[in-house]
PDB file of N, CA and C in Angstrom:
ATOM      1  N   UNK A   1      17.218  17.113 185.922  1.00  0.00           N
ATOM      2  CA  UNK A   1      16.484  18.358 185.729  1.00  0.00           C
ATOM      3  C   UNK A   1      15.505  18.524 186.886  1.00  0.00           C
ATOM      4  N   UNK A   2      15.480  19.674 187.565  1.00  0.00           N
ATOM      5  CA  UNK A   2      14.582  19.858 188.712  1.00  0.00           C
ATOM      6  C   UNK A   2      13.120  19.872 188.278  1.00  0.00           C
ATOM      7  N   UNK A   3      12.268  19.394 189.164  1.00  0.00           N
ATOM      8  CA  UNK A   3      10.833  19.408 188.877  1.00  0.00           C
ATOM      9  C   UNK A   3      10.271  20.795 189.149  1.00  0.00           C
ATOM     10  N   UNK A   4       9.236  21.122 188.428  1.00  0.00           N
ATOM     11  CA  UNK A   4       8.549  22.387 188.672  1.00  0.00           C
ATOM     12  C   UNK A   4       7.581  22.191 189.828  1.00  0.00           C
ATOM     13  N   UNK A   5       7.405  23.238 190.618  1.00  0.00           N
ATOM     14  CA  UNK A   5       6.461  23.189 191.721  1.00  0.00           C
ATOM     15  C   UNK A   5       5.038  23.030 191.195  1.00  0.00           C
ATOM     16  N   UNK A   6       4.246  22.248 191.895  1.00  0.00           N
ATOM     17  CA  UNK A   6       2.849  22.031 191.500  1.00  0.00           C
ATOM     18  C   UNK A   6       2.112  23.364 191.425  1.00  0.00           C
ATOM     19  N   UNK A   7       2.447  24.302 192.311  1.00  0.00           N
ATOM     20  CA  UNK A   7       1.770  25.596 192.333  1.00  0.00           C
ATOM     21  C   UNK A   7       2.068  26.395 191.049  1.00  0.00           C
ATOM     22  N   UNK A   8       3.280  26.233 190.503  1.00  0.00           N
ATOM     23  CA  UNK A   8       3.643  26.917 189.264  1.00  0.00           C
ATOM     24  C   UNK A   8       2.840  26.359 188.094  1.00  0.00           C
ATOM     25  N   UNK A   9       2.758  25.037 188.014  1.00  0.00           N
ATOM     26  CA  UNK A   9       1.972  24.402 186.946  1.00  0.00           C
ATOM     27  C   UNK A   9       0.504  24.772 187.087  1.00  0.00           C
ATOM     28  N   UNK A  10      -0.007  24.782 188.298  1.00  0.00           N
ATOM     29  CA  UNK A  10      -1.409  25.153 188.543  1.00  0.00           C
ATOM     30  C   UNK A  10      -1.674  26.592 188.084  1.00  0.00           C
ATOM     31  N   UNK A  11      -0.759  27.503 188.385  1.00  0.00           N
ATOM     32  CA  UNK A  11      -0.893  28.898 187.974  1.00  0.00           C
ATOM     33  C   UNK A  11      -0.980  28.999 186.452  1.00  0.00           C
ATOM     34  N   UNK A  12      -0.050  28.324 185.758  1.00  0.00           N
ATOM     35  CA  UNK A  12      -0.019  28.392 184.303  1.00  0.00           C
ATOM     36  C   UNK A  12      -1.255  27.742 183.697  1.00  0.00           C
ATOM     37  N   UNK A  13      -1.681  26.609 184.242  1.00  0.00           N
ATOM     38  CA  UNK A  13      -2.904  25.964 183.743  1.00  0.00           C
ATOM     39  C   UNK A  13      -4.109  26.904 183.918  1.00  0.00           C
ATOM     40  N   UNK A  14      -4.169  27.613 185.049  1.00  0.00           N
ATOM     41  CA  UNK A  14      -5.270  28.558 185.288  1.00  0.00           C
ATOM     42  C   UNK A  14      -5.261  29.682 184.248  1.00  0.00           C
ATOM     43  N   UNK A  15      -4.074  30.132 183.855  1.00  0.00           N
ATOM     44  CA  UNK A  15      -3.990  31.178 182.828  1.00  0.00           C
ATOM     45  C   UNK A  15      -4.547  30.664 181.500  1.00  0.00           C
ATOM     46  N   UNK A  16      -4.155  29.454 181.108  1.00  0.00           N
ATOM     47  CA  UNK A  16      -4.656  28.874 179.852  1.00  0.00           C
ATOM     48  C   UNK A  16      -6.161  28.632 179.919  1.00  0.00           C
ATOM     49  N   UNK A  17      -6.640  28.132 181.061  1.00  0.00           N
ATOM     50  CA  UNK A  17      -8.068  27.873 181.219  1.00  0.00           C
ATOM     51  C   UNK A  17      -8.856  29.173 181.078  1.00  0.00           C
ATOM     52  N   UNK A  18      -8.405  30.225 181.742  1.00  0.00           N
ATOM     53  CA  UNK A  18      -9.077  31.514 181.635  1.00  0.00           C
ATOM     54  C   UNK A  18      -9.059  32.047 180.208  1.00  0.00           C
ATOM     55  N   UNK A  19      -7.906  31.949 179.547  1.00  0.00           N
ATOM     56  CA  UNK A  19      -7.800  32.416 178.157  1.00  0.00           C
ATOM     57  C   UNK A  19      -8.755  31.657 177.250  1.00  0.00           C
ATOM     58  N   UNK A  20      -8.750  30.333 177.346  1.00  0.00           N
ATOM     59  CA  UNK A  20      -9.580  29.513 176.464  1.00  0.00           C
ATOM     60  C   UNK A  20     -11.068  29.725 176.722  1.00  0.00           C
ATOM     61  N   UNK A  21     -11.439  30.048 177.974  1.00  0.00           N
ATOM     62  CA  UNK A  21     -12.836  30.310 178.327  1.00  0.00           C
ATOM     63  C   UNK A  21     -13.233  31.761 178.057  1.00  0.00           C
ATOM     64  N   UNK A  22     -12.249  32.575 177.618  1.00  0.00           N
ATOM     65  CA  UNK A  22     -12.452  34.013 177.397  1.00  0.00           C
ATOM     66  C   UNK A  22     -12.842  34.700 178.690  1.00  0.00           C
ATOM     67  N   UNK A  23     -12.334  34.157 179.806  1.00  0.00           N
ATOM     68  CA  UNK A  23     -12.540  34.740 181.140  1.00  0.00           C
ATOM     69  C   UNK A  23     -11.286  35.574 181.450  1.00  0.00           C
ATOM     70  N   UNK A  24     -11.301  36.813 180.965  1.00  0.00           N
ATOM     71  CA  UNK A  24     -10.120  37.661 181.104  1.00  0.00           C
ATOM     72  C   UNK A  24      -9.778  37.928 182.565  1.00  0.00           C
ATOM     73  N   UNK A  25     -10.788  38.091 183.412  1.00  0.00           N
ATOM     74  CA  UNK A  25     -10.505  38.362 184.827  1.00  0.00           C
ATOM     75  C   UNK A  25      -9.712  37.208 185.449  1.00  0.00           C
ATOM     76  N   UNK A  26     -10.127  35.978 185.162  1.00  0.00           N
ATOM     77  CA  UNK A  26      -9.424  34.811 185.724  1.00  0.00           C
ATOM     78  C   UNK A  26      -8.009  34.711 185.165  1.00  0.00           C
ATOM     79  N   UNK A  27      -7.844  34.913 183.872  1.00  0.00           N
ATOM     80  CA  UNK A  27      -6.506  34.818 183.263  1.00  0.00           C
ATOM     81  C   UNK A  27      -5.607  35.936 183.780  1.00  0.00           C
ATOM     82  N   UNK A  28      -6.117  37.156 183.828  1.00  0.00           N
ATOM     83  CA  UNK A  28      -5.294  38.285 184.281  1.00  0.00           C
ATOM     84  C   UNK A  28      -4.928  38.180 185.756  1.00  0.00           C
ATOM     85  N   UNK A  29      -5.723  37.472 186.528  1.00  0.00           N
ATOM     86  CA  UNK A  29      -5.412  37.281 187.957  1.00  0.00           C
ATOM     87  C   UNK A  29      -4.130  36.467 188.165  1.00  0.00           C
ATOM     88  N   UNK A  30      -3.652  35.801 187.111  1.00  0.00           N
ATOM     89  CA  UNK A  30      -2.420  35.024 187.206  1.00  0.00           C
ATOM     90  C   UNK A  30      -1.193  35.844 186.846  1.00  0.00           C
ATOM     91  N   UNK A  31      -1.369  37.132 186.560  1.00  0.00           N
ATOM     92  CA  UNK A  31      -0.298  37.977 186.032  1.00  0.00           C
ATOM     93  C   UNK A  31       0.012  39.169 186.922  1.00  0.00           C
ATOM     94  N   UNK A  32       1.264  39.640 186.815  1.00  0.00           N
ATOM     95  CA  UNK A  32       1.647  40.871 187.518  1.00  0.00           C
ATOM     96  C   UNK A  32       0.950  42.056 186.851  1.00  0.00           C
ATOM     97  N   UNK A  33       0.867  43.166 187.566  1.00  0.00           N
ATOM     98  CA  UNK A  33       0.230  44.363 187.026  1.00  0.00           C
ATOM     99  C   UNK A  33       0.930  44.879 185.778  1.00  0.00           C
ATOM    100  N   UNK A  34       2.266  44.680 185.712  1.00  0.00           N
ATOM    101  CA  UNK A  34       3.037  45.200 184.578  1.00  0.00           C
ATOM    102  C   UNK A  34       3.456  44.095 183.615  1.00  0.00           C
ATOM    103  N   UNK A  35       2.667  43.030 183.522  1.00  0.00           N
ATOM    104  CA  UNK A  35       2.966  41.882 182.665  1.00  0.00           C
ATOM    105  C   UNK A  35       3.312  42.341 181.238  1.00  0.00           C
ATOM    106  N   UNK A  36       4.290  41.645 180.636  1.00  0.00           N
ATOM    107  CA  UNK A  36       4.630  41.851 179.231  1.00  0.00           C
ATOM    108  C   UNK A  36       4.087  40.641 178.457  1.00  0.00           C
ATOM    109  N   UNK A  37       3.264  40.918 177.454  1.00  0.00           N
ATOM    110  CA  UNK A  37       2.574  39.857 176.711  1.00  0.00           C
ATOM    111  C   UNK A  37       2.776  40.048 175.219  1.00  0.00           C
ATOM    112  N   UNK A  38       3.102  38.969 174.488  1.00  0.00           N
ATOM    113  CA  UNK A  38       3.362  39.120 173.060  1.00  0.00           C
ATOM    114  C   UNK A  38       2.071  39.335 172.271  1.00  0.00           C
ATOM    115  N   UNK A  39       2.173  40.188 171.272  1.00  0.00           N
ATOM    116  CA  UNK A  39       1.077  40.354 170.301  1.00  0.00           C
ATOM    117  C   UNK A  39       1.376  39.339 169.200  1.00  0.00           C
ATOM    118  N   UNK A  40       1.119  38.074 169.527  1.00  0.00           N
ATOM    119  CA  UNK A  40       1.589  36.956 168.712  1.00  0.00           C
ATOM    120  C   UNK A  40       1.160  37.033 167.258  1.00  0.00           C
ATOM    121  N   UNK A  41      -0.042  37.493 166.994  1.00  0.00           N
ATOM    122  CA  UNK A  41      -0.463  37.521 165.598  1.00  0.00           C
ATOM    123  C   UNK A  41      -0.340  38.896 164.978  1.00  0.00           C
ATOM    124  N   UNK A  42       0.234  39.840 165.701  1.00  0.00           N
ATOM    125  CA  UNK A  42       0.442  41.199 165.171  1.00  0.00           C
ATOM    126  C   UNK A  42       1.895  41.663 165.297  1.00  0.00           C
ATOM    127  N   UNK A  43       2.632  41.078 166.245  1.00  0.00           N
ATOM    128  CA  UNK A  43       4.026  41.474 166.467  1.00  0.00           C
ATOM    129  C   UNK A  43       4.189  42.437 167.636  1.00  0.00           C
ATOM    130  N   UNK A  44       5.313  42.355 168.286  1.00  0.00           N
ATOM    131  CA  UNK A  44       5.614  43.232 169.430  1.00  0.00           C
ATOM    132  C   UNK A  44       4.999  42.699 170.715  1.00  0.00           C
ATOM    133  N   UNK A  45       4.968  43.573 171.715  1.00  0.00           N
ATOM    134  CA  UNK A  45       4.446  43.222 173.045  1.00  0.00           C
ATOM    135  C   UNK A  45       3.501  44.316 173.517  1.00  0.00           C
ATOM    136  N   UNK A  46       2.602  43.944 174.411  1.00  0.00           N
ATOM    137  CA  UNK A  46       1.839  44.914 175.185  1.00  0.00           C
ATOM    138  C   UNK A  46       2.289  44.769 176.626  1.00  0.00           C
ATOM    139  N   UNK A  47       2.134  45.839 177.416  1.00  0.00           N
ATOM    140  CA  UNK A  47       2.567  45.792 178.805  1.00  0.00           C
ATOM    141  C   UNK A  47       1.415  46.270 179.697  1.00  0.00           C
ATOM    142  N   UNK A  48       1.159  45.480 180.733  1.00  0.00           N
ATOM    143  CA  UNK A  48       0.135  45.795 181.706  1.00  0.00           C
ATOM    144  C   UNK A  48      -1.152  45.029 181.441  1.00  0.00           C
ATOM    145  N   UNK A  49      -1.866  44.757 182.521  1.00  0.00           N
ATOM    146  CA  UNK A  49      -3.079  43.946 182.419  1.00  0.00           C
ATOM    147  C   UNK A  49      -4.146  44.556 181.506  1.00  0.00           C
ATOM    148  N   UNK A  50      -4.339  45.857 181.584  1.00  0.00           N
ATOM    149  CA  UNK A  50      -5.377  46.473 180.740  1.00  0.00           C
ATOM    150  C   UNK A  50      -5.000  46.402 179.263  1.00  0.00           C
ATOM    151  N   UNK A  51      -3.711  46.513 178.955  1.00  0.00           N
ATOM    152  CA  UNK A  51      -3.251  46.394 177.577  1.00  0.00           C
ATOM    153  C   UNK A  51      -3.440  44.950 177.082  1.00  0.00           C
ATOM    154  N   UNK A  52      -3.189  43.966 177.948  1.00  0.00           N
ATOM    155  CA  UNK A  52      -3.421  42.565 177.579  1.00  0.00           C
ATOM    156  C   UNK A  52      -4.902  42.346 177.322  1.00  0.00           C
ATOM    157  N   UNK A  53      -5.761  42.867 178.196  1.00  0.00           N
ATOM    158  CA  UNK A  53      -7.211  42.727 178.007  1.00  0.00           C
ATOM    159  C   UNK A  53      -7.643  43.316 176.668  1.00  0.00           C
ATOM    160  N   UNK A  54      -7.165  44.505 176.345  1.00  0.00           N
ATOM    161  CA  UNK A  54      -7.512  45.161 175.087  1.00  0.00           C
ATOM    162  C   UNK A  54      -7.010  44.352 173.890  1.00  0.00           C
ATOM    163  N   UNK A  55      -5.789  43.836 173.984  1.00  0.00           N
ATOM    164  CA  UNK A  55      -5.229  43.027 172.897  1.00  0.00           C
ATOM    165  C   UNK A  55      -6.056  41.770 172.696  1.00  0.00           C
ATOM    166  N   UNK A  56      -6.372  41.067 173.778  1.00  0.00           N
ATOM    167  CA  UNK A  56      -7.165  39.841 173.644  1.00  0.00           C
ATOM    168  C   UNK A  56      -8.544  40.137 173.066  1.00  0.00           C
ATOM    169  N   UNK A  57      -9.167  41.229 173.498  1.00  0.00           N
ATOM    170  CA  UNK A  57     -10.484  41.592 172.969  1.00  0.00           C
ATOM    171  C   UNK A  57     -10.398  41.837 171.464  1.00  0.00           C
ATOM    172  N   UNK A  58      -9.368  42.545 171.035  1.00  0.00           N
ATOM    173  CA  UNK A  58      -9.138  42.769 169.602  1.00  0.00           C
ATOM    174  C   UNK A  58      -8.903  41.432 168.888  1.00  0.00           C
ATOM    175  N   UNK A  59      -8.032  40.604 169.452  1.00  0.00           N
ATOM    176  CA  UNK A  59      -7.699  39.309 168.847  1.00  0.00           C
ATOM    177  C   UNK A  59      -8.945  38.447 168.679  1.00  0.00           C
ATOM    178  N   UNK A  60      -9.762  38.334 169.722  1.00  0.00           N
ATOM    179  CA  UNK A  60     -10.928  37.470 169.678  1.00  0.00           C
ATOM    180  C   UNK A  60     -12.004  38.014 168.729  1.00  0.00           C
ATOM    181  N   UNK A  61     -11.890  39.271 168.363  1.00  0.00           N
ATOM    182  CA  UNK A  61     -12.796  39.831 167.358  1.00  0.00           C
ATOM    183  C   UNK A  61     -12.381  39.471 165.937  1.00  0.00           C
ATOM    184  N   UNK A  62     -11.156  38.941 165.780  1.00  0.00           N
ATOM    185  CA  UNK A  62     -10.615  38.608 164.454  1.00  0.00           C
ATOM    186  C   UNK A  62     -10.365  37.117 164.258  1.00  0.00           C
ATOM    187  N   UNK A  63      -9.943  36.434 165.326  1.00  0.00           N
ATOM    188  CA  UNK A  63      -9.646  34.998 165.259  1.00  0.00           C
ATOM    189  C   UNK A  63     -10.129  34.321 166.519  1.00  0.00           C
ATOM    190  N   UNK A  64     -10.189  32.987 166.484  1.00  0.00           N
ATOM    191  CA  UNK A  64     -10.634  32.198 167.629  1.00  0.00           C
ATOM    192  C   UNK A  64      -9.541  31.179 167.985  1.00  0.00           C
ATOM    193  N   UNK A  65      -8.581  31.593 168.836  1.00  0.00           N
ATOM    194  CA  UNK A  65      -7.510  30.678 169.235  1.00  0.00           C
ATOM    195  C   UNK A  65      -7.891  29.808 170.429  1.00  0.00           C
ATOM    196  N   UNK A  66      -7.369  28.588 170.426  1.00  0.00           N
ATOM    197  CA  UNK A  66      -7.483  27.696 171.589  1.00  0.00           C
ATOM    198  C   UNK A  66      -6.094  27.113 171.802  1.00  0.00           C
ATOM    199  N   UNK A  67      -5.579  27.234 173.037  1.00  0.00           N
ATOM    200  CA  UNK A  67      -4.209  26.831 173.327  1.00  0.00           C
ATOM    201  C   UNK A  67      -4.244  25.863 174.509  1.00  0.00           C
ATOM    202  N   UNK A  68      -3.780  24.627 174.261  1.00  0.00           N
ATOM    203  CA  UNK A  68      -3.807  23.586 175.279  1.00  0.00           C
ATOM    204  C   UNK A  68      -2.391  23.239 175.722  1.00  0.00           C
ATOM    205  N   UNK A  69      -2.050  23.453 177.003  1.00  0.00           N
ATOM    206  CA  UNK A  69      -0.709  23.084 177.468  1.00  0.00           C
ATOM    207  C   UNK A  69      -0.542  21.568 177.491  1.00  0.00           C
ATOM    208  N   UNK A  70       0.593  21.098 176.975  1.00  0.00           N
ATOM    209  CA  UNK A  70       0.882  19.663 176.908  1.00  0.00           C
ATOM    210  C   UNK A  70       1.956  19.237 177.899  1.00  0.00           C
ATOM    211  N   UNK A  71       2.964  20.080 178.080  1.00  0.00           N
ATOM    212  CA  UNK A  71       4.081  19.722 178.954  1.00  0.00           C
ATOM    213  C   UNK A  71       4.738  21.004 179.476  1.00  0.00           C
ATOM    214  N   UNK A  72       5.312  20.893 180.684  1.00  0.00           N
ATOM    215  CA  UNK A  72       5.958  22.015 181.359  1.00  0.00           C
ATOM    216  C   UNK A  72       7.400  21.627 181.642  1.00  0.00           C
ATOM    217  N   UNK A  73       8.348  22.507 181.255  1.00  0.00           N
ATOM    218  CA  UNK A  73       9.776  22.215 181.409  1.00  0.00           C
ATOM    219  C   UNK A  73      10.477  23.396 182.068  1.00  0.00           C
ATOM    220  N   UNK A  74      11.358  23.148 183.055  1.00  0.00           N
ATOM    221  CA  UNK A  74      12.205  24.223 183.559  1.00  0.00           C
ATOM    222  C   UNK A  74      13.111  24.700 182.419  1.00  0.00           C
ATOM    223  N   UNK A  75      13.357  26.001 182.347  1.00  0.00           N
ATOM    224  CA  UNK A  75      14.182  26.550 181.265  1.00  0.00           C
ATOM    225  C   UNK A  75      14.991  27.705 181.846  1.00  0.00           C
ATOM    226  N   UNK A  76      16.099  27.350 182.505  1.00  0.00           N
ATOM    227  CA  UNK A  76      16.857  28.375 183.204  1.00  0.00           C
ATOM    228  C   UNK A  76      16.004  28.897 184.336  1.00  0.00           C
ATOM    229  N   UNK A  77      15.810  30.201 184.387  1.00  0.00           N
ATOM    230  CA  UNK A  77      14.936  30.794 185.389  1.00  0.00           C
ATOM    231  C   UNK A  77      13.497  30.914 184.917  1.00  0.00           C
ATOM    232  N   UNK A  78      13.195  30.331 183.773  1.00  0.00           N
ATOM    233  CA  UNK A  78      11.848  30.438 183.183  1.00  0.00           C
ATOM    234  C   UNK A  78      11.199  29.067 183.128  1.00  0.00           C
ATOM    235  N   UNK A  79       9.969  29.045 182.641  1.00  0.00           N
ATOM    236  CA  UNK A  79       9.254  27.798 182.414  1.00  0.00           C
ATOM    237  C   UNK A  79       8.868  27.759 180.939  1.00  0.00           C
ATOM    238  N   UNK A  80       9.192  26.679 180.272  1.00  0.00           N
ATOM    239  CA  UNK A  80       8.848  26.494 178.886  1.00  0.00           C
ATOM    240  C   UNK A  80       7.652  25.537 178.833  1.00  0.00           C
ATOM    241  N   UNK A  81       6.570  26.006 178.223  1.00  0.00           N
ATOM    242  CA  UNK A  81       5.362  25.186 178.102  1.00  0.00           C
ATOM    243  C   UNK A  81       5.173  24.834 176.637  1.00  0.00           C
ATOM    244  N   UNK A  82       5.083  23.526 176.390  1.00  0.00           N
ATOM    245  CA  UNK A  82       4.757  23.066 175.039  1.00  0.00           C
ATOM    246  C   UNK A  82       3.244  23.092 174.928  1.00  0.00           C
ATOM    247  N   UNK A  83       2.743  23.749 173.890  1.00  0.00           N
ATOM    248  CA  UNK A  83       1.293  23.861 173.731  1.00  0.00           C
ATOM    249  C   UNK A  83       0.864  23.383 172.350  1.00  0.00           C
ATOM    250  N   UNK A  84      -0.371  22.892 172.282  1.00  0.00           N
ATOM    251  CA  UNK A  84      -1.030  22.618 171.008  1.00  0.00           C
ATOM    252  C   UNK A  84      -1.976  23.778 170.772  1.00  0.00           C
ATOM    253  N   UNK A  85      -1.718  24.492 169.706  1.00  0.00           N
ATOM    254  CA  UNK A  85      -2.464  25.707 169.389  1.00  0.00           C
ATOM    255  C   UNK A  85      -3.268  25.493 168.104  1.00  0.00           C
ATOM    256  N   UNK A  86      -4.574  25.739 168.219  1.00  0.00           N
ATOM    257  CA  UNK A  86      -5.446  25.690 167.051  1.00  0.00           C
ATOM    258  C   UNK A  86      -6.073  27.075 166.911  1.00  0.00           C
ATOM    259  N   UNK A  87      -5.858  27.689 165.780  1.00  0.00           N
ATOM    260  CA  UNK A  87      -6.425  29.013 165.516  1.00  0.00           C
ATOM    261  C   UNK A  87      -7.416  28.878 164.379  1.00  0.00           C
ATOM    262  N   UNK A  88      -8.625  29.359 164.638  1.00  0.00           N
ATOM    263  CA  UNK A  88      -9.675  29.326 163.623  1.00  0.00           C
ATOM    264  C   UNK A  88     -10.103  30.747 163.282  1.00  0.00           C
ATOM    265  N   UNK A  89     -10.656  30.901 162.072  1.00  0.00           N
ATOM    266  CA  UNK A  89     -11.260  32.184 161.778  1.00  0.00           C
ATOM    267  C   UNK A  89     -12.627  32.212 162.461  1.00  0.00           C
ATOM    268  N   UNK A  90     -13.330  33.307 162.375  1.00  0.00           N
ATOM    269  CA  UNK A  90     -14.592  33.430 163.111  1.00  0.00           C
ATOM    270  C   UNK A  90     -15.700  32.554 162.537  1.00  0.00           C
ATOM    271  N   UNK A  91     -15.497  32.038 161.322  1.00  0.00           N
ATOM    272  CA  UNK A  91     -16.458  31.114 160.721  1.00  0.00           C
ATOM    273  C   UNK A  91     -16.136  29.669 161.078  1.00  0.00           C
ATOM    274  N   UNK A  92     -15.004  29.429 161.750  1.00  0.00           N
ATOM    275  CA  UNK A  92     -14.652  28.101 162.206  1.00  0.00           C
ATOM    276  C   UNK A  92     -13.606  27.392 161.365  1.00  0.00           C
ATOM    277  N   UNK A  93     -13.147  27.975 160.269  1.00  0.00           N
ATOM    278  CA  UNK A  93     -12.108  27.345 159.452  1.00  0.00           C
ATOM    279  C   UNK A  93     -10.768  27.404 160.160  1.00  0.00           C
ATOM    280  N   UNK A  94     -10.023  26.301 160.129  1.00  0.00           N
ATOM    281  CA  UNK A  94      -8.713  26.228 160.790  1.00  0.00           C
ATOM    282  C   UNK A  94      -7.684  27.032 159.999  1.00  0.00           C
ATOM    283  N   UNK A  95      -7.056  27.995 160.669  1.00  0.00           N
ATOM    284  CA  UNK A  95      -5.991  28.795 160.089  1.00  0.00           C
ATOM    285  C   UNK A  95      -4.624  28.233 160.456  1.00  0.00           C
ATOM    286  N   UNK A  96      -4.512  27.654 161.645  1.00  0.00           N
ATOM    287  CA  UNK A  96      -3.243  27.088 162.113  1.00  0.00           C
ATOM    288  C   UNK A  96      -3.550  25.983 163.112  1.00  0.00           C
ATOM    289  N   UNK A  97      -2.775  24.897 163.031  1.00  0.00           N
ATOM    290  CA  UNK A  97      -2.887  23.778 163.965  1.00  0.00           C
ATOM    291  C   UNK A  97      -1.452  23.315 164.176  1.00  0.00           C
ATOM    292  N   UNK A  98      -0.836  23.733 165.301  1.00  0.00           N
ATOM    293  CA  UNK A  98       0.596  23.492 165.478  1.00  0.00           C
ATOM    294  C   UNK A  98       0.969  23.401 166.943  1.00  0.00           C
ATOM    295  N   UNK A  99       2.171  22.893 167.155  1.00  0.00           N
ATOM    296  CA  UNK A  99       2.764  22.889 168.489  1.00  0.00           C
ATOM    297  C   UNK A  99       3.739  24.039 168.544  1.00  0.00           C
ATOM    298  N   UNK A 100       3.658  24.838 169.599  1.00  0.00           N
ATOM    299  CA  UNK A 100       4.568  25.953 169.799  1.00  0.00           C
ATOM    300  C   UNK A 100       5.014  25.938 171.258  1.00  0.00           C
ATOM    301  N   UNK A 101       5.994  26.778 171.547  1.00  0.00           N
ATOM    302  CA  UNK A 101       6.461  26.927 172.920  1.00  0.00           C
ATOM    303  C   UNK A 101       6.064  28.281 173.461  1.00  0.00           C
ATOM    304  N   UNK A 102       5.750  28.319 174.727  1.00  0.00           N
ATOM    305  CA  UNK A 102       5.509  29.566 175.458  1.00  0.00           C
ATOM    306  C   UNK A 102       6.496  29.593 176.604  1.00  0.00           C
ATOM    307  N   UNK A 103       7.321  30.630 176.662  1.00  0.00           N
ATOM    308  CA  UNK A 103       8.313  30.769 177.731  1.00  0.00           C
ATOM    309  C   UNK A 103       7.780  31.813 178.719  1.00  0.00           C
ATOM    310  N   UNK A 104       7.610  31.396 179.959  1.00  0.00           N
ATOM    311  CA  UNK A 104       7.094  32.262 180.994  1.00  0.00           C
ATOM    312  C   UNK A 104       8.177  32.648 181.989  1.00  0.00           C
ATOM    313  N   UNK A 105       8.163  33.919 182.362  1.00  0.00           N
ATOM    314  CA  UNK A 105       8.975  34.429 183.447  1.00  0.00           C
ATOM    315  C   UNK A 105       8.012  34.757 184.577  1.00  0.00           C
ATOM    316  N   UNK A 106       8.285  34.257 185.767  1.00  0.00           N
ATOM    317  CA  UNK A 106       7.415  34.515 186.920  1.00  0.00           C
ATOM    318  C   UNK A 106       8.097  35.478 187.879  1.00  0.00           C
ATOM    319  N   UNK A 107       7.270  36.247 188.556  1.00  0.00           N
ATOM    320  CA  UNK A 107       7.756  37.163 189.599  1.00  0.00           C
ATOM    321  C   UNK A 107       6.767  37.105 190.750  1.00  0.00           C
ATOM    322  N   UNK A 108       7.253  36.753 191.914  1.00  0.00           N
ATOM    323  CA  UNK A 108       6.434  36.649 193.129  1.00  0.00           C
ATOM    324  C   UNK A 108       5.196  35.792 192.887  1.00  0.00           C
ATOM    325  N   UNK A 109       5.403  34.665 192.191  1.00  0.00           N
ATOM    326  CA  UNK A 109       4.321  33.709 191.982  1.00  0.00           C
ATOM    327  C   UNK A 109       3.319  34.063 190.911  1.00  0.00           C
ATOM    328  N   UNK A 110       3.604  35.098 190.118  1.00  0.00           N
ATOM    329  CA  UNK A 110       2.692  35.503 189.035  1.00  0.00           C
ATOM    330  C   UNK A 110       3.449  35.616 187.720  1.00  0.00           C
ATOM    331  N   UNK A 111       2.726  35.541 186.620  1.00  0.00           N
ATOM    332  CA  UNK A 111       3.335  35.678 185.296  1.00  0.00           C
ATOM    333  C   UNK A 111       3.760  37.116 185.085  1.00  0.00           C
ATOM    334  N   UNK A 112       5.057  37.319 184.816  1.00  0.00           N
ATOM    335  CA  UNK A 112       5.580  38.647 184.558  1.00  0.00           C
ATOM    336  C   UNK A 112       5.807  38.875 183.069  1.00  0.00           C
ATOM    337  N   UNK A 113       6.096  37.762 182.350  1.00  0.00           N
ATOM    338  CA  UNK A 113       6.324  37.891 180.910  1.00  0.00           C
ATOM    339  C   UNK A 113       6.036  36.549 180.233  1.00  0.00           C
ATOM    340  N   UNK A 114       5.510  36.628 179.022  1.00  0.00           N
ATOM    341  CA  UNK A 114       5.333  35.437 178.192  1.00  0.00           C
ATOM    342  C   UNK A 114       5.925  35.731 176.829  1.00  0.00           C
ATOM    343  N   UNK A 115       6.628  34.749 176.285  1.00  0.00           N
ATOM    344  CA  UNK A 115       7.209  34.869 174.956  1.00  0.00           C
ATOM    345  C   UNK A 115       6.828  33.627 174.150  1.00  0.00           C
ATOM    346  N   UNK A 116       6.565  33.792 172.872  1.00  0.00           N
ATOM    347  CA  UNK A 116       6.311  32.662 171.983  1.00  0.00           C
ATOM    348  C   UNK A 116       7.663  32.225 171.417  1.00  0.00           C
ATOM    349  N   UNK A 117       7.895  30.903 171.426  1.00  0.00           N
ATOM    350  CA  UNK A 117       9.168  30.371 170.948  1.00  0.00           C
ATOM    351  C   UNK A 117       8.932  29.004 170.321  1.00  0.00           C
ATOM    352  N   UNK A 118       9.985  28.384 169.907  1.00  0.00           N
ATOM    353  CA  UNK A 118       9.896  27.025 169.354  1.00  0.00           C
ATOM    354  C   UNK A 118       9.521  26.069 170.496  1.00  0.00           C
ATOM    355  N   UNK A 119       8.815  24.991 170.186  1.00  0.00           N
ATOM    356  CA  UNK A 119       8.532  24.008 171.236  1.00  0.00           C
ATOM    357  C   UNK A 119       9.826  23.332 171.669  1.00  0.00           C
ATOM    358  N   UNK A 120       9.818  22.669 172.838  1.00  0.00           N
ATOM    359  CA  UNK A 120      11.023  21.981 173.284  1.00  0.00           C
ATOM    360  C   UNK A 120      11.471  20.921 172.291  1.00  0.00           C
ATOM    361  N   UNK A 121      12.740  20.687 172.225  1.00  0.00           N
ATOM    362  CA  UNK A 121      13.258  19.645 171.343  1.00  0.00           C
ATOM    363  C   UNK A 121      12.789  18.286 171.849  1.00  0.00           C
ATOM    364  N   UNK A 122      12.726  17.290 170.964  1.00  0.00           N
ATOM    365  CA  UNK A 122      12.233  15.968 171.366  1.00  0.00           C
ATOM    366  C   UNK A 122      12.949  15.369 172.571  1.00  0.00           C
ATOM    367  N   UNK A 123      14.240  15.645 172.747  1.00  0.00           N
ATOM    368  CA  UNK A 123      14.970  15.073 173.892  1.00  0.00           C
ATOM    369  C   UNK A 123      14.562  15.705 175.207  1.00  0.00           C
ATOM    370  N   UNK A 124      13.867  16.855 175.169  1.00  0.00           N
ATOM    371  CA  UNK A 124      13.399  17.489 176.419  1.00  0.00           C
ATOM    372  C   UNK A 124      11.968  17.077 176.751  1.00  0.00           C
ATOM    373  N   UNK A 125      11.297  16.458 175.807  1.00  0.00           N
ATOM    374  CA  UNK A 125       9.905  16.054 176.050  1.00  0.00           C
ATOM    375  C   UNK A 125       9.880  14.814 176.932  1.00  0.00           C
ATOM    376  N   UNK A 126       8.911  14.833 177.837  1.00  0.00           N
ATOM    377  CA  UNK A 126       8.798  13.695 178.759  1.00  0.00           C
ATOM    378  C   UNK A 126       7.949  12.600 178.138  1.00  0.00           C
TER     379      UNK A 126
END
């Protein structure tokens, strides 16, 4: 299996760091202008950086998610990231504590699309 470029992993880590710090400018800087982003806790997708910013602002007003990348795997033309996701309500109670997969499509070195999926199977984990 081919290794992922360090620059790709660095880009994705920067997106997670920005998201977890609620630094939308830093996170959005890792994305294309027309990025497609899942409305993971509402369903569907939003498209474009301003729509992602609005969705995240809405989301953070209702829940407090923290998503930590654990492993990065090539997945065809995409990158599959195994993440540990902890979602809390605004009072701090844990609503979800699970491992999920995030599938990223990149375009010209930036995130063009993210999809939520199952985490990689155990045989793909390093």
